[in-house]
Amino acid sequence: MAIGASTGGTEALREVLSVLPEATPGIVVVQHMPQTFTGSFARRLDSLCRIRVKEAEQGDRVLPGTAYIAPGHSHLLVQKSAGGYVVSLSAGEPVNRHRPSVDVLFHSVAESAGDKAIGLILTGMGKDGAAGLLAMKRAGAWTIAQDRDSCVVFGMPREAIALKAVDETLPLGEIGARLMARLQSPRRIN
């Protein structure tokens, strides 16, 4: 599962992640945030969630029941490896004026996980993540956007919806339950 957020995203992420059970598949997250705050943000979420939440490190295996928050100084990418997926960090140039960039994460997940992935774009300003979510959808992933009324800033979800990159648009309060229902479905994804 790959999640992208910006303005208003810290509380949106708390709301989504705090309802997920320990058996949730691995989650990778880009929240636009300065590098001095991502570690403490991950620790705060870890204290509030049933899943483990940590700041991503180079080479981390993406494990069930764990969410990996991109450090504020690096792009977060997911690569397929023997027996699963691993985190790769990149100090590459900003994309859409951001490092970490949601688009970079989503494009890597589209390439590495394809139809085995879920993409979620939450509240945020600008368009970061829209093209990457479209790449995920085209690769067969199931995609969700937070709805206008529950966003602090509707920019990122609006741009993804405009590109037709979104399978479902939901209020923030319904996203966690919808994810759990979808993960428990025998069909799971698409």
Protein backbone atom coordinates (compact mmCIF):
# COMPACT_ATOMS: atom_id res chain seq x y z
CA MET A 1 0.00 0.00 0.00
CA ALA A 2 1.36 3.42 -0.97
CA ILE A 3 0.05 6.65 0.54
CA GLY A 4 0.81 10.25 -0.38
CA ALA A 5 -0.16 13.40 1.54
CA SER A 6 0.81 17.01 2.07
CA THR A 7 -1.02 19.91 3.77
CA GLY A 8 -3.30 18.42 6.43
CA GLY A 9 -1.82 15.00 5.88
CA THR A 10 -0.37 14.44 9.32
CA GLU A 11 -3.82 14.13 10.90
CA ALA A 12 -5.27 12.36 7.84
CA LEU A 13 -2.52 9.74 8.07
CA ARG A 14 -3.13 9.32 11.79
CA GLU A 15 -6.82 8.71 11.14
CA VAL A 16 -6.21 6.14 8.38
CA LEU A 17 -3.28 4.28 9.94
CA SER A 18 -4.70 4.11 13.46
CA VAL A 19 -7.59 1.85 12.40
CA LEU A 20 -5.50 -0.68 10.48
CA PRO A 21 -4.86 -4.07 12.11
CA GLU A 22 -1.43 -5.62 12.70
CA ALA A 23 -1.91 -7.97 9.75
CA THR A 24 -2.13 -5.11 7.23
CA PRO A 25 0.24 -5.50 4.24
CA GLY A 26 3.31 -3.26 4.29
CA ILE A 27 2.68 0.45 3.77
CA VAL A 28 4.98 3.12 2.30
CA VAL A 29 4.19 6.77 2.90
CA VAL A 30 5.32 10.13 1.58
CA GLN A 31 4.18 13.07 3.70
CA HIS A 32 5.62 16.40 2.57
CA MET A 33 7.51 17.44 5.69
CA PRO A 34 10.97 18.82 6.54
CA GLN A 35 13.59 16.23 7.43
CA THR A 36 13.81 17.45 11.02
CA PHE A 37 10.23 16.30 11.66
CA THR A 38 9.78 12.96 9.87
CA GLY A 39 11.45 10.86 12.55
CA SER A 40 9.37 12.32 15.38
CA PHE A 41 6.24 12.10 13.22
CA ALA A 42 6.87 8.38 12.64
CA ARG A 43 7.42 7.82 16.38
CA ARG A 44 4.19 9.68 17.20
CA LEU A 45 2.20 7.55 14.76
CA ASP A 46 3.88 4.43 16.10
CA SER A 47 2.60 5.27 19.58
CA LEU A 48 -0.98 5.71 18.26
CA CYS A 49 -1.29 2.76 15.86
CA ARG A 50 -1.59 -1.01 16.14
CA ILE A 51 0.79 -1.34 13.20
CA ARG A 52 4.45 -0.42 13.59
CA VAL A 53 5.37 2.97 12.08
CA LYS A 54 8.99 3.94 11.43
CA GLU A 55 11.04 6.35 9.40
CA ALA A 56 12.20 4.45 6.33
CA GLU A 57 15.85 3.46 6.03
CA GLN A 58 17.79 2.31 2.97
CA GLY A 59 17.28 -1.42 2.46
CA ASP A 60 14.33 -1.85 4.85
CA ARG A 61 12.27 -4.89 3.88
CA VAL A 62 8.62 -3.88 3.44
CA LEU A 63 6.97 -6.11 6.02
CA PRO A 64 3.31 -6.68 6.93
CA GLY A 65 2.07 -4.65 9.85
CA THR A 66 4.60 -1.87 9.25
CA ALA A 67 4.35 1.59 7.71
CA TYR A 68 7.52 3.27 6.43
CA ILE A 69 7.53 7.09 6.41
CA ALA A 70 9.84 8.72 3.85
CA PRO A 71 12.57 10.75 5.53
CA GLY A 72 12.22 14.44 4.73
CA HIS A 73 15.53 14.51 2.85
CA SER A 74 15.01 11.62 0.39
CA HIS A 75 12.67 10.19 -2.19
CA LEU A 76 11.25 6.83 -1.13
CA LEU A 77 11.12 4.09 -3.76
CA VAL A 78 10.01 0.49 -3.53
CA GLN A 79 11.91 -2.22 -5.39
CA LYS A 80 11.00 -5.86 -5.88
CA SER A 81 13.46 -8.27 -4.32
CA ALA A 82 13.60 -11.99 -3.65
CA GLY A 83 10.67 -12.73 -1.38
CA GLY A 84 9.13 -9.28 -1.33
CA TYR A 85 9.90 -5.60 -1.55
CA VAL A 86 12.62 -3.32 -0.18
CA VAL A 87 12.90 0.41 0.42
CA SER A 88 15.37 2.48 -1.54
CA LEU A 89 16.12 6.09 -0.69
CA SER A 90 17.29 8.65 -3.23
CA ALA A 91 18.67 12.16 -2.83
CA GLY A 92 17.68 12.89 -6.44
CA GLU A 93 16.39 16.25 -7.58
CA PRO A 94 13.00 17.38 -6.25
CA VAL A 95 9.99 16.32 -8.33
CA ASN A 96 7.01 18.73 -8.39
CA ARG A 97 9.19 20.86 -6.08
CA HIS A 98 9.26 18.08 -3.46
CA ARG A 99 11.74 15.65 -2.02
CA PRO A 100 10.32 13.28 -0.98
CA SER A 101 7.86 13.24 -3.86
CA VAL A 102 4.62 11.25 -3.92
CA ASP A 103 5.01 10.82 -7.69
CA VAL A 104 8.41 9.17 -7.26
CA LEU A 105 6.96 6.73 -4.70
CA PHE A 106 3.84 5.93 -6.75
CA HIS A 107 5.78 5.38 -9.98
CA SER A 108 8.13 2.97 -8.20
CA VAL A 109 5.19 1.05 -6.72
CA ALA A 110 3.48 0.88 -10.12
CA GLU A 111 6.64 -0.63 -11.58
CA SER A 112 7.48 -3.00 -8.73
CA ALA A 113 4.07 -4.12 -7.44
CA GLY A 114 1.63 -3.41 -10.28
CA ASP A 115 -1.78 -4.97 -9.65
CA LYS A 116 -0.75 -6.14 -6.16
CA ALA A 117 -0.75 -2.55 -4.89
CA ILE A 118 -3.18 -0.05 -3.44
CA GLY A 119 -2.62 3.68 -3.93
CA LEU A 120 -4.09 6.34 -1.68
CA ILE A 121 -3.81 10.09 -2.17
CA LEU A 122 -4.82 12.30 0.73
CA THR A 123 -5.18 16.02 1.38
CA GLY A 124 -2.50 18.31 -0.01
CA MET A 125 -1.65 21.30 -2.14
CA GLY A 126 -0.47 21.00 -5.72
CA LYS A 127 -0.35 18.04 -8.08
CA ASP A 128 2.33 15.78 -6.59
CA GLY A 129 1.14 12.20 -6.78
CA ALA A 130 -1.49 12.58 -9.50
CA ALA A 131 0.63 11.24 -12.38
CA GLY A 132 2.08 8.51 -10.17
CA LEU A 133 -1.37 7.40 -9.05
CA LEU A 134 -2.39 7.20 -12.71
CA ALA A 135 0.66 4.99 -13.36
CA MET A 136 -0.42 2.77 -10.46
CA LYS A 137 -3.98 2.52 -11.80
CA ARG A 138 -2.73 1.69 -15.30
CA ALA A 139 -0.54 -1.04 -13.74
CA GLY A 140 -3.68 -2.56 -12.19
CA ALA A 141 -3.54 -1.12 -8.67
CA TRP A 142 -6.70 -0.10 -6.82
CA THR A 143 -6.65 3.66 -6.16
CA ILE A 144 -8.45 5.94 -3.70
CA ALA A 145 -8.59 9.71 -3.23
CA GLN A 146 -9.78 11.61 -0.18
CA ASP A 147 -12.92 13.60 -1.00
CA ARG A 148 -13.12 17.39 -1.24
CA ASP A 149 -15.18 17.94 1.91
CA SER A 150 -12.80 16.11 4.25
CA CYS A 151 -9.56 17.56 2.80
CA VAL A 152 -7.75 20.49 4.37
CA VAL A 153 -6.56 21.26 0.81
CA PHE A 154 -8.16 19.39 -2.10
CA GLY A 155 -5.32 20.02 -4.59
CA MET A 156 -3.57 16.64 -4.81
CA PRO A 157 -6.75 14.51 -4.80
CA ARG A 158 -8.44 16.91 -7.27
CA GLU A 159 -5.52 16.61 -9.70
CA ALA A 160 -5.57 12.79 -9.46
CA ILE A 161 -9.34 12.72 -10.05
CA ALA A 162 -8.96 15.06 -13.05
CA LEU A 163 -6.45 12.61 -14.58
CA LYS A 164 -8.93 9.74 -14.05
CA ALA A 165 -6.38 8.07 -11.78
CA VAL A 166 -8.88 7.27 -9.03
CA ASP A 167 -11.14 4.23 -8.63
CA GLU A 168 -12.91 5.56 -5.51
CA THR A 169 -13.27 8.93 -3.80
CA LEU A 170 -14.10 8.67 -0.10
CA PRO A 171 -14.44 10.85 2.99
CA LEU A 172 -11.43 10.53 5.28
CA GLY A 173 -13.49 8.86 8.00
CA GLU A 174 -14.43 5.99 5.65
CA ILE A 175 -11.02 5.25 4.12
CA GLY A 176 -9.62 3.01 6.87
CA ALA A 177 -12.73 0.81 6.99
CA ARG A 178 -12.84 0.59 3.19
CA LEU A 179 -9.19 -0.46 3.08
CA MET A 180 -9.80 -3.18 5.67
CA ALA A 181 -12.88 -4.46 3.82
CA ARG A 182 -10.98 -4.54 0.55
CA LEU A 183 -8.00 -6.32 2.09
CA GLN A 184 -10.26 -8.95 3.64
CA SER A 185 -12.13 -9.58 0.39
CA PRO A 186 -11.14 -12.83 -1.39
CA ARG A 187 -10.58 -10.77 -4.54
CA ARG A 188 -8.56 -8.19 -2.57
CA ILE A 189 -7.34 -5.98 -5.36
CA ASN A 190 -9.08 -5.44 -8.68
